[in-house]
Amino acid sequence: MKIAVANDGNYVSQHFGHCEGFNLYFIESDAITYKRFVPNPGHKPGFLPVFLKEQNVDVIIAGGMGEAAKDLFVENGIDVYVGVSGDADEAAEQFAKGILKSTGEVCTEHHHE
């Protein structure tokens, strides 16, 4: 299984579309076996769910995202965990152990610069 954590520095990004990039974690037998960083190729409506599907991602973890993005991830067969905060590696480890919780809440309002 491959999961992506939207991150800014070492922390889970609070808005996946504007994150620095994605830590991709490979998980086998409830443990992380490999990690690599993929820079965010840019925030364009509908692009990132397809981009991460092309990276063979099964799960996206982020602090927040909009309803449309969540729906696009689901349409692409990617499970969504939102409402996550803190250290990105710790979030991935919690997911691998089956203890990471998603609030399921999506952003209803966005302010873009």
N, C-alpha and C. Protein backbone atom coordinates (compact mmCIF):
# COMPACT_ATOMS: atom_id res chain seq x y z
N MET A 1 0.84 -1.17 0.00
CA MET A 1 0.00 0.00 0.00
C MET A 1 0.89 1.23 0.00
N LYS A 2 0.41 2.26 -0.68
CA LYS A 2 1.16 3.52 -0.71
C LYS A 2 0.24 4.64 -0.22
N ILE A 3 0.75 5.43 0.73
CA ILE A 3 0.00 6.57 1.22
C ILE A 3 0.77 7.85 0.94
N ALA A 4 0.03 8.93 0.82
CA ALA A 4 0.64 10.25 0.61
C ALA A 4 0.21 11.14 1.76
N VAL A 5 1.18 11.84 2.34
CA VAL A 5 0.88 12.83 3.36
C VAL A 5 1.26 14.19 2.78
N ALA A 6 0.25 15.06 2.65
CA ALA A 6 0.52 16.43 2.20
C ALA A 6 1.30 17.11 3.31
N ASN A 7 2.47 17.66 2.96
CA ASN A 7 3.29 18.22 4.03
C ASN A 7 3.89 19.58 3.67
N ASP A 8 4.12 20.33 4.75
CA ASP A 8 4.87 21.59 4.72
C ASP A 8 5.98 21.40 5.74
N GLY A 9 7.20 21.35 5.26
CA GLY A 9 8.30 21.01 6.16
C GLY A 9 8.09 19.60 6.66
N ASN A 10 8.15 19.41 7.96
CA ASN A 10 7.95 18.08 8.55
C ASN A 10 6.52 17.87 9.03
N TYR A 11 5.63 18.80 8.74
CA TYR A 11 4.28 18.77 9.31
C TYR A 11 3.21 18.52 8.25
N VAL A 12 2.12 17.93 8.69
CA VAL A 12 0.97 17.71 7.82
C VAL A 12 0.44 19.08 7.40
N SER A 13 0.31 19.28 6.10
CA SER A 13 -0.20 20.55 5.58
C SER A 13 -1.67 20.69 5.91
N GLN A 14 -2.05 21.90 6.27
CA GLN A 14 -3.45 22.14 6.59
C GLN A 14 -4.31 22.39 5.36
N HIS A 15 -3.71 22.55 4.18
CA HIS A 15 -4.46 22.59 2.93
C HIS A 15 -3.64 21.86 1.88
N PHE A 16 -4.09 20.67 1.53
CA PHE A 16 -3.29 19.79 0.68
C PHE A 16 -2.91 20.44 -0.64
N GLY A 17 -3.78 21.23 -1.23
CA GLY A 17 -3.51 21.79 -2.56
C GLY A 17 -2.37 22.78 -2.59
N HIS A 18 -2.08 23.40 -1.45
CA HIS A 18 -1.03 24.41 -1.40
C HIS A 18 0.19 23.93 -0.61
N CYS A 19 0.30 22.64 -0.41
CA CYS A 19 1.42 22.08 0.35
C CYS A 19 2.72 22.17 -0.46
N GLU A 20 3.84 22.04 0.24
CA GLU A 20 5.15 22.00 -0.43
C GLU A 20 5.27 20.75 -1.30
N GLY A 21 4.71 19.67 -0.79
CA GLY A 21 4.81 18.42 -1.52
C GLY A 21 4.16 17.29 -0.73
N PHE A 22 4.46 16.08 -1.17
CA PHE A 22 3.85 14.90 -0.58
C PHE A 22 4.93 13.90 -0.19
N ASN A 23 4.88 13.48 1.06
CA ASN A 23 5.71 12.35 1.46
C ASN A 23 4.94 11.10 1.07
N LEU A 24 5.56 10.26 0.26
CA LEU A 24 4.95 8.99 -0.13
C LEU A 24 5.56 7.91 0.73
N TYR A 25 4.71 7.14 1.38
CA TYR A 25 5.15 6.07 2.27
C TYR A 25 4.64 4.74 1.73
N PHE A 26 5.51 3.76 1.67
CA PHE A 26 5.13 2.41 1.29
C PHE A 26 4.94 1.62 2.57
N ILE A 27 3.80 0.97 2.70
CA ILE A 27 3.48 0.25 3.93
C ILE A 27 3.27 -1.22 3.62
N GLU A 28 3.96 -2.06 4.40
CA GLU A 28 3.79 -3.51 4.32
C GLU A 28 3.72 -4.05 5.73
N SER A 29 2.77 -4.92 5.98
CA SER A 29 2.62 -5.56 7.29
C SER A 29 2.61 -4.53 8.42
N ASP A 30 1.82 -3.50 8.27
CA ASP A 30 1.65 -2.47 9.30
C ASP A 30 2.92 -1.70 9.65
N ALA A 31 3.86 -1.63 8.71
CA ALA A 31 5.10 -0.88 8.95
C ALA A 31 5.49 -0.12 7.68
N ILE A 32 6.11 1.03 7.87
CA ILE A 32 6.62 1.81 6.74
C ILE A 32 7.92 1.18 6.28
N THR A 33 7.98 0.85 5.00
CA THR A 33 9.18 0.21 4.46
C THR A 33 10.03 1.16 3.61
N TYR A 34 9.43 2.26 3.16
CA TYR A 34 10.16 3.17 2.29
C TYR A 34 9.42 4.50 2.28
N LYS A 35 10.17 5.59 2.14
CA LYS A 35 9.59 6.93 2.08
C LYS A 35 10.33 7.74 1.03
N ARG A 36 9.57 8.53 0.27
CA ARG A 36 10.19 9.47 -0.65
C ARG A 36 9.32 10.72 -0.76
N PHE A 37 9.95 11.82 -1.12
CA PHE A 37 9.26 13.11 -1.25
C PHE A 37 9.01 13.42 -2.71
N VAL A 38 7.80 13.88 -2.99
CA VAL A 38 7.44 14.33 -4.34
C VAL A 38 6.96 15.78 -4.22
N PRO A 39 7.63 16.74 -4.88
CA PRO A 39 7.18 18.13 -4.80
C PRO A 39 5.77 18.30 -5.39
N ASN A 40 5.04 19.26 -4.85
CA ASN A 40 3.72 19.57 -5.36
C ASN A 40 3.90 20.16 -6.76
N PRO A 41 3.32 19.54 -7.79
CA PRO A 41 3.49 20.04 -9.15
C PRO A 41 2.64 21.28 -9.46
N GLY A 42 1.83 21.70 -8.51
CA GLY A 42 1.03 22.91 -8.70
C GLY A 42 -0.44 22.66 -8.42
N HIS A 43 -1.09 23.68 -7.92
CA HIS A 43 -2.50 23.58 -7.56
C HIS A 43 -3.35 24.01 -8.73
N LYS A 44 -3.95 23.04 -9.40
CA LYS A 44 -4.89 23.30 -10.49
C LYS A 44 -6.14 22.47 -10.17
N PRO A 45 -7.32 23.03 -10.33
CA PRO A 45 -8.53 22.27 -10.00
C PRO A 45 -8.56 20.89 -10.67
N GLY A 46 -8.76 19.87 -9.86
CA GLY A 46 -8.88 18.50 -10.35
C GLY A 46 -7.60 17.78 -10.69
N PHE A 47 -6.47 18.46 -10.62
CA PHE A 47 -5.20 17.87 -11.06
C PHE A 47 -4.58 16.93 -10.03
N LEU A 48 -4.50 17.34 -8.77
CA LEU A 48 -3.75 16.57 -7.78
C LEU A 48 -4.32 15.17 -7.52
N PRO A 49 -5.63 14.97 -7.49
CA PRO A 49 -6.11 13.59 -7.32
C PRO A 49 -5.64 12.66 -8.44
N VAL A 50 -5.64 13.15 -9.67
CA VAL A 50 -5.16 12.35 -10.80
C VAL A 50 -3.66 12.14 -10.70
N PHE A 51 -2.92 13.20 -10.37
CA PHE A 51 -1.47 13.10 -10.21
C PHE A 51 -1.09 12.04 -9.18
N LEU A 52 -1.76 12.07 -8.02
CA LEU A 52 -1.44 11.09 -6.97
C LEU A 52 -1.89 9.69 -7.36
N LYS A 53 -2.97 9.57 -8.11
CA LYS A 53 -3.38 8.25 -8.61
C LYS A 53 -2.30 7.70 -9.54
N GLU A 54 -1.71 8.56 -10.38
CA GLU A 54 -0.63 8.14 -11.27
C GLU A 54 0.61 7.70 -10.49
N GLN A 55 0.73 8.17 -9.23
CA GLN A 55 1.83 7.76 -8.35
C GLN A 55 1.47 6.47 -7.59
N ASN A 56 0.31 5.91 -7.92
CA ASN A 56 -0.20 4.67 -7.29
C ASN A 56 -0.52 4.84 -5.81
N VAL A 57 -0.98 6.02 -5.44
CA VAL A 57 -1.34 6.30 -4.06
C VAL A 57 -2.71 5.70 -3.76
N ASP A 58 -2.82 5.08 -2.58
CA ASP A 58 -4.08 4.48 -2.13
C ASP A 58 -4.81 5.35 -1.11
N VAL A 59 -4.06 6.21 -0.39
CA VAL A 59 -4.61 7.02 0.69
C VAL A 59 -3.94 8.38 0.68
N ILE A 60 -4.74 9.45 0.87
CA ILE A 60 -4.19 10.79 1.05
C ILE A 60 -4.51 11.24 2.47
N ILE A 61 -3.51 11.82 3.13
CA ILE A 61 -3.66 12.34 4.49
C ILE A 61 -3.34 13.83 4.45
N ALA A 62 -4.25 14.64 5.00
CA ALA A 62 -4.04 16.09 5.00
C ALA A 62 -4.78 16.71 6.17
N GLY A 63 -4.42 17.96 6.43
CA GLY A 63 -5.15 18.70 7.45
C GLY A 63 -6.53 19.06 6.96
N GLY A 64 -6.60 19.53 5.72
CA GLY A 64 -7.88 19.92 5.17
C GLY A 64 -7.88 19.94 3.66
N MET A 65 -9.10 19.86 3.11
CA MET A 65 -9.31 19.97 1.66
C MET A 65 -10.78 20.26 1.44
N GLY A 66 -11.09 20.73 0.27
CA GLY A 66 -12.47 21.04 -0.07
C GLY A 66 -13.27 19.79 -0.43
N GLU A 67 -14.58 19.93 -0.44
CA GLU A 67 -15.48 18.83 -0.77
C GLU A 67 -15.23 18.30 -2.18
N ALA A 68 -15.02 19.20 -3.15
CA ALA A 68 -14.79 18.77 -4.53
C ALA A 68 -13.53 17.92 -4.64
N ALA A 69 -12.47 18.35 -3.95
CA ALA A 69 -11.22 17.58 -3.98
C ALA A 69 -11.43 16.21 -3.35
N LYS A 70 -12.10 16.19 -2.22
CA LYS A 70 -12.37 14.90 -1.56
C LYS A 70 -13.12 13.97 -2.50
N ASP A 71 -14.14 14.50 -3.16
CA ASP A 71 -14.92 13.69 -4.09
C ASP A 71 -14.06 13.17 -5.24
N LEU A 72 -13.15 14.01 -5.75
CA LEU A 72 -12.27 13.57 -6.84
C LEU A 72 -11.31 12.47 -6.39
N PHE A 73 -10.81 12.58 -5.16
CA PHE A 73 -9.96 11.50 -4.65
C PHE A 73 -10.73 10.20 -4.58
N VAL A 74 -11.95 10.26 -4.05
CA VAL A 74 -12.77 9.05 -3.93
C VAL A 74 -13.06 8.47 -5.32
N GLU A 75 -13.38 9.33 -6.29
CA GLU A 75 -13.61 8.87 -7.66
C GLU A 75 -12.39 8.17 -8.25
N ASN A 76 -11.20 8.58 -7.80
CA ASN A 76 -9.96 7.97 -8.27
C ASN A 76 -9.51 6.79 -7.41
N GLY A 77 -10.37 6.35 -6.50
CA GLY A 77 -10.08 5.18 -5.69
C GLY A 77 -9.09 5.44 -4.56
N ILE A 78 -8.99 6.70 -4.13
CA ILE A 78 -8.05 7.07 -3.07
C ILE A 78 -8.84 7.42 -1.81
N ASP A 79 -8.56 6.73 -0.72
CA ASP A 79 -9.20 7.03 0.56
C ASP A 79 -8.66 8.33 1.12
N VAL A 80 -9.53 9.11 1.78
CA VAL A 80 -9.18 10.43 2.27
C VAL A 80 -9.23 10.47 3.79
N TYR A 81 -8.13 10.93 4.39
CA TYR A 81 -8.04 11.19 5.83
C TYR A 81 -7.77 12.68 6.00
N VAL A 82 -8.73 13.40 6.58
CA VAL A 82 -8.57 14.84 6.80
C VAL A 82 -8.72 15.15 8.28
N GLY A 83 -8.33 16.38 8.62
CA GLY A 83 -8.38 16.78 10.02
C GLY A 83 -7.16 16.31 10.80
N VAL A 84 -6.13 15.92 10.07
CA VAL A 84 -4.90 15.40 10.69
C VAL A 84 -3.93 16.57 10.85
N SER A 85 -3.21 16.58 11.96
CA SER A 85 -2.21 17.62 12.18
C SER A 85 -0.99 17.00 12.84
N GLY A 86 0.08 17.80 12.94
CA GLY A 86 1.29 17.34 13.59
C GLY A 86 2.33 16.84 12.62
N ASP A 87 3.25 16.05 13.13
CA ASP A 87 4.37 15.54 12.37
C ASP A 87 3.90 14.56 11.28
N ALA A 88 4.37 14.75 10.05
CA ALA A 88 3.95 13.93 8.92
C ALA A 88 4.36 12.47 9.10
N ASP A 89 5.58 12.22 9.57
CA ASP A 89 6.03 10.84 9.78
C ASP A 89 5.19 10.14 10.84
N GLU A 90 4.85 10.87 11.90
CA GLU A 90 4.02 10.27 12.95
C GLU A 90 2.63 9.94 12.43
N ALA A 91 2.08 10.81 11.59
CA ALA A 91 0.77 10.53 11.00
C ALA A 91 0.83 9.27 10.16
N ALA A 92 1.89 9.12 9.36
CA ALA A 92 2.04 7.92 8.54
C ALA A 92 2.19 6.67 9.41
N GLU A 93 2.95 6.78 10.48
CA GLU A 93 3.12 5.64 11.38
C GLU A 93 1.81 5.26 12.04
N GLN A 94 1.01 6.26 12.44
CA GLN A 94 -0.29 5.97 13.04
C GLN A 94 -1.21 5.29 12.03
N PHE A 95 -1.16 5.74 10.76
CA PHE A 95 -1.96 5.09 9.73
C PHE A 95 -1.52 3.64 9.57
N ALA A 96 -0.22 3.42 9.49
CA ALA A 96 0.30 2.06 9.30
C ALA A 96 -0.15 1.13 10.43
N LYS A 97 -0.25 1.66 11.63
CA LYS A 97 -0.67 0.86 12.79
C LYS A 97 -2.19 0.76 12.91
N GLY A 98 -2.91 1.47 12.04
CA GLY A 98 -4.36 1.41 12.05
C GLY A 98 -5.02 2.27 13.11
N ILE A 99 -4.30 3.28 13.63
CA ILE A 99 -4.86 4.09 14.70
C ILE A 99 -5.11 5.55 14.30
N LEU A 100 -4.79 5.92 13.05
CA LEU A 100 -5.02 7.30 12.62
C LEU A 100 -6.52 7.51 12.40
N LYS A 101 -7.04 8.60 12.91
CA LYS A 101 -8.45 8.93 12.77
C LYS A 101 -8.62 10.11 11.82
N SER A 102 -9.64 10.03 10.99
CA SER A 102 -10.01 11.13 10.11
C SER A 102 -11.25 11.78 10.69
N THR A 103 -11.28 13.12 10.68
CA THR A 103 -12.48 13.81 11.14
C THR A 103 -13.56 13.75 10.06
N GLY A 104 -13.14 13.56 8.81
CA GLY A 104 -14.08 13.54 7.71
C GLY A 104 -14.58 14.91 7.31
N GLU A 105 -14.21 15.93 8.07
CA GLU A 105 -14.68 17.28 7.78
C GLU A 105 -13.88 17.90 6.64
N VAL A 106 -14.59 18.56 5.75
CA VAL A 106 -13.94 19.22 4.62
C VAL A 106 -14.08 20.73 4.77
N CYS A 107 -13.21 21.44 4.08
CA CYS A 107 -13.25 22.90 4.08
C CYS A 107 -14.45 23.36 3.25
N THR A 108 -15.15 24.33 3.78
CA THR A 108 -16.30 24.86 3.04
C THR A 108 -16.03 26.24 2.48
N GLU A 109 -14.91 26.83 2.88
CA GLU A 109 -14.58 28.17 2.43
C GLU A 109 -13.08 28.25 2.20
N HIS A 110 -12.68 28.79 1.07
CA HIS A 110 -11.26 28.92 0.76
C HIS A 110 -10.91 30.37 0.49
N HIS A 111 -9.79 30.79 1.00
CA HIS A 111 -9.27 32.12 0.72
C HIS A 111 -7.96 31.95 -0.02
N HIS A 112 -7.92 32.34 -1.28
CA HIS A 112 -6.71 32.20 -2.07
C HIS A 112 -6.10 33.57 -2.29
N GLU A 113 -4.78 33.59 -2.29
CA GLU A 113 -4.09 34.86 -2.53
C GLU A 113 -4.01 35.15 -4.00
